[in-house]
């Protein structure tokens, strides 16, 4: 059994009530629900560990939890720039400052975000799907030049695994992602 430590944290009354209600409905102790919540959040934030990913290699984590980080930890674009781009060896692997500003603003109303991204992409609002921030980051950093993917070597099908649904994507950063 792993050694556990007691930790004290301050929560507002509404959060405590939510924890009580959810733990009661799930039939678990409040402490178990809190441990689950912490572990789940730590899993999402794993790429941000010291010595972890930097620059465009953080894009999947930024898309997943960046707006929440900015909102709950009161981070601005300058903070995100320091967290994401500090210490990069190559400017090509950096996430643009303007994109970090879009991520910070992702808590704003969806029409505002759609407008900013549509202007940046020089396209109409119709081409954006329901998740414009995610789509913008994936198009720009993880799937650059989709139409050239076959020519550039970014699309490497894994025949040894016997499936046509897996792709290994070489991004601008050092990390390779397998998409199923």
Protein backbone atom coordinates (compact mmCIF):
# COMPACT_ATOMS: atom_id res chain seq x y z
CA UNK A 1 0.00 0.00 0.00
CA UNK A 2 1.24 3.47 -0.86
CA UNK A 3 1.90 6.01 1.84
CA UNK A 4 -0.70 8.77 1.90
CA UNK A 5 -0.40 12.22 3.42
CA UNK A 6 -3.11 14.45 4.76
CA UNK A 7 -3.51 17.69 2.88
CA UNK A 8 -5.56 20.69 3.86
CA UNK A 9 -7.22 22.80 1.21
CA UNK A 10 -9.72 25.59 1.19
CA UNK A 11 -12.89 25.18 -0.81
CA UNK A 12 -15.93 27.38 -1.00
CA UNK A 13 -19.26 26.09 0.31
CA UNK A 14 -20.75 25.44 -3.12
CA UNK A 15 -17.81 23.22 -4.11
CA UNK A 16 -18.08 21.29 -0.84
CA UNK A 17 -21.79 20.73 -1.47
CA UNK A 18 -21.08 19.52 -5.01
CA UNK A 19 -18.49 17.07 -3.68
CA UNK A 20 -20.94 15.77 -1.07
CA UNK A 21 -23.74 15.35 -3.63
CA UNK A 22 -21.56 13.62 -6.23
CA UNK A 23 -19.85 11.31 -3.74
CA UNK A 24 -23.22 10.37 -2.26
CA UNK A 25 -24.67 9.59 -5.67
CA UNK A 26 -21.62 7.54 -6.65
CA UNK A 27 -21.62 5.75 -3.32
CA UNK A 28 -18.03 6.66 -2.46
CA UNK A 29 -16.34 8.64 0.28
CA UNK A 30 -15.72 12.35 -0.30
CA UNK A 31 -11.99 11.75 0.13
CA UNK A 32 -12.07 9.11 -2.63
CA UNK A 33 -13.79 11.56 -4.97
CA UNK A 34 -11.22 14.23 -4.17
CA UNK A 35 -8.34 11.78 -4.81
CA UNK A 36 -9.95 10.81 -8.12
CA UNK A 37 -10.30 14.47 -9.09
CA UNK A 38 -6.68 15.24 -8.24
CA UNK A 39 -5.39 12.18 -10.12
CA UNK A 40 -7.52 12.99 -13.15
CA UNK A 41 -6.30 16.58 -13.21
CA UNK A 42 -2.68 15.54 -12.74
CA UNK A 43 -3.02 13.15 -15.68
CA UNK A 44 -4.26 15.99 -17.90
CA UNK A 45 -1.39 18.22 -16.73
CA UNK A 46 1.34 15.60 -17.06
CA UNK A 47 2.96 17.27 -20.11
CA UNK A 48 3.56 20.39 -17.97
CA UNK A 49 5.88 18.59 -15.54
CA UNK A 50 9.35 20.05 -15.16
CA UNK A 51 11.52 18.83 -17.99
CA UNK A 52 8.45 17.82 -19.98
CA UNK A 53 7.22 18.95 -23.35
CA UNK A 54 7.71 22.44 -24.76
CA UNK A 55 6.40 24.50 -27.66
CA UNK A 56 4.18 22.78 -30.19
CA UNK A 57 4.58 19.48 -28.34
CA UNK A 58 2.30 20.99 -25.68
CA UNK A 59 -0.50 21.75 -28.16
CA UNK A 60 -2.62 18.67 -27.31
CA UNK A 61 -2.41 19.51 -23.59
CA UNK A 62 -3.08 23.20 -24.27
CA UNK A 63 -6.16 22.38 -26.31
CA UNK A 64 -7.35 19.96 -23.63
CA UNK A 65 -6.95 22.13 -20.55
CA UNK A 66 -5.43 25.48 -21.56
CA UNK A 67 -8.61 27.56 -21.24
CA UNK A 68 -9.32 26.04 -17.81
CA UNK A 69 -5.74 26.70 -16.67
CA UNK A 70 -6.01 30.31 -17.77
CA UNK A 71 -9.37 30.78 -16.10
CA UNK A 72 -8.81 29.03 -12.77
CA UNK A 73 -5.12 29.89 -12.30
CA UNK A 74 -5.56 33.41 -13.70
CA UNK A 75 -2.89 33.01 -16.37
CA UNK A 76 -2.55 35.47 -19.21
CA UNK A 77 -0.89 35.11 -22.63
CA UNK A 78 2.49 36.23 -21.26
CA UNK A 79 2.32 33.53 -18.57
CA UNK A 80 1.41 30.91 -21.17
CA UNK A 81 4.22 32.08 -23.43
CA UNK A 82 6.70 31.61 -20.58
CA UNK A 83 5.29 28.18 -19.71
CA UNK A 84 5.08 26.93 -23.30
CA UNK A 85 7.96 28.57 -25.19
CA UNK A 86 10.67 29.33 -22.61
CA UNK A 87 13.92 27.51 -23.33
CA UNK A 88 13.08 26.34 -26.84
CA UNK A 89 16.04 25.71 -29.12
CA UNK A 90 14.09 26.52 -32.29
CA UNK A 91 11.64 29.31 -33.07
CA UNK A 92 9.83 26.92 -35.44
CA UNK A 93 8.77 24.81 -32.44
CA UNK A 94 7.23 27.81 -30.64
CA UNK A 95 3.50 28.42 -30.29
CA UNK A 96 2.66 31.88 -31.63
CA UNK A 97 1.85 34.60 -29.10
CA UNK A 98 -1.38 35.39 -30.95
CA UNK A 99 -2.48 31.76 -30.63
CA UNK A 100 -1.78 31.84 -26.90
CA UNK A 101 -3.96 34.96 -26.68
CA UNK A 102 -6.75 33.06 -28.45
CA UNK A 103 -6.37 30.26 -25.93
CA UNK A 104 -6.64 32.70 -23.03
CA UNK A 105 -9.72 34.24 -24.60
CA UNK A 106 -11.32 30.81 -25.10
CA UNK A 107 -13.44 31.45 -22.03
CA UNK A 108 -15.05 34.34 -23.88
CA UNK A 109 -18.22 33.91 -25.87
CA UNK A 110 -17.90 31.47 -28.80
CA UNK A 111 -18.78 34.07 -31.47
CA UNK A 112 -15.78 36.14 -30.41
CA UNK A 113 -13.44 33.16 -30.74
CA UNK A 114 -14.97 32.16 -34.07
CA UNK A 115 -14.49 35.70 -35.34
CA UNK A 116 -10.82 35.88 -34.25
CA UNK A 117 -9.94 32.52 -35.80
CA UNK A 118 -11.91 33.16 -38.99
CA UNK A 119 -10.04 36.44 -39.47
CA UNK A 120 -6.72 34.77 -38.77
CA UNK A 121 -7.42 31.94 -41.22
CA UNK A 122 -8.80 34.40 -43.80
CA UNK A 123 -11.82 32.17 -44.22
CA UNK A 124 -15.47 32.31 -43.47
CA UNK A 125 -17.22 31.26 -40.31
CA UNK A 126 -18.87 28.37 -42.15
CA UNK A 127 -15.61 26.43 -42.41
CA UNK A 128 -15.20 26.29 -38.63
CA UNK A 129 -16.73 23.42 -36.70
CA UNK A 130 -18.24 23.45 -33.20
CA UNK A 131 -14.78 23.50 -31.61
CA UNK A 132 -13.00 26.34 -33.39
CA UNK A 133 -10.10 26.69 -30.95
CA UNK A 134 -9.26 23.00 -31.05
CA UNK A 135 -9.63 22.92 -34.83
CA UNK A 136 -7.38 25.96 -35.26
CA UNK A 137 -4.59 24.53 -33.09
CA UNK A 138 -4.77 21.08 -34.67
CA UNK A 139 -4.79 22.49 -38.21
CA UNK A 140 -1.89 24.81 -37.55
CA UNK A 141 0.40 22.74 -35.32
CA UNK A 142 -0.50 19.04 -35.50
CA UNK A 143 -1.78 18.68 -39.06
CA UNK A 144 0.10 21.35 -41.01
CA UNK A 145 -0.64 21.35 -44.74
CA UNK A 146 -3.14 18.47 -44.70
CA UNK A 147 -3.32 18.47 -48.46
CA UNK A 148 0.45 17.89 -48.68
CA UNK A 149 0.60 15.23 -45.95
CA UNK A 150 1.13 12.35 -48.39
CA UNK A 151 3.92 14.23 -50.18
CA UNK A 152 5.71 15.47 -47.06
CA UNK A 153 5.93 12.16 -45.23
CA UNK A 154 3.65 13.24 -42.41
CA UNK A 155 1.27 10.34 -43.08
CA UNK A 156 2.86 7.03 -42.15
CA UNK A 157 0.37 4.18 -42.07
CA UNK A 158 1.27 1.29 -39.83
CA UNK A 159 0.77 -1.87 -41.87
CA UNK A 160 2.47 -4.04 -39.25
CA UNK A 161 -0.42 -3.37 -36.90
CA UNK A 162 -2.93 -4.39 -39.57
CA UNK A 163 -5.10 -1.29 -39.37
CA UNK A 164 -5.75 1.59 -41.73
CA UNK A 165 -7.10 3.84 -39.00
CA UNK A 166 -3.80 4.69 -37.30
CA UNK A 167 -1.56 7.53 -38.41
CA UNK A 168 1.75 8.68 -37.01
CA UNK A 169 1.98 12.44 -37.31
CA UNK A 170 5.27 14.27 -37.35
CA UNK A 171 4.55 17.72 -35.98
CA UNK A 172 6.73 20.78 -35.99
CA UNK A 173 7.96 19.68 -32.57
CA UNK A 174 9.89 16.60 -31.51
CA UNK A 175 6.94 14.49 -30.40
CA UNK A 176 5.14 12.09 -32.73
CA UNK A 177 1.44 11.46 -32.14
CA UNK A 178 -0.50 8.35 -33.08
CA UNK A 179 -4.05 9.19 -34.07
CA UNK A 180 -6.67 6.44 -34.18
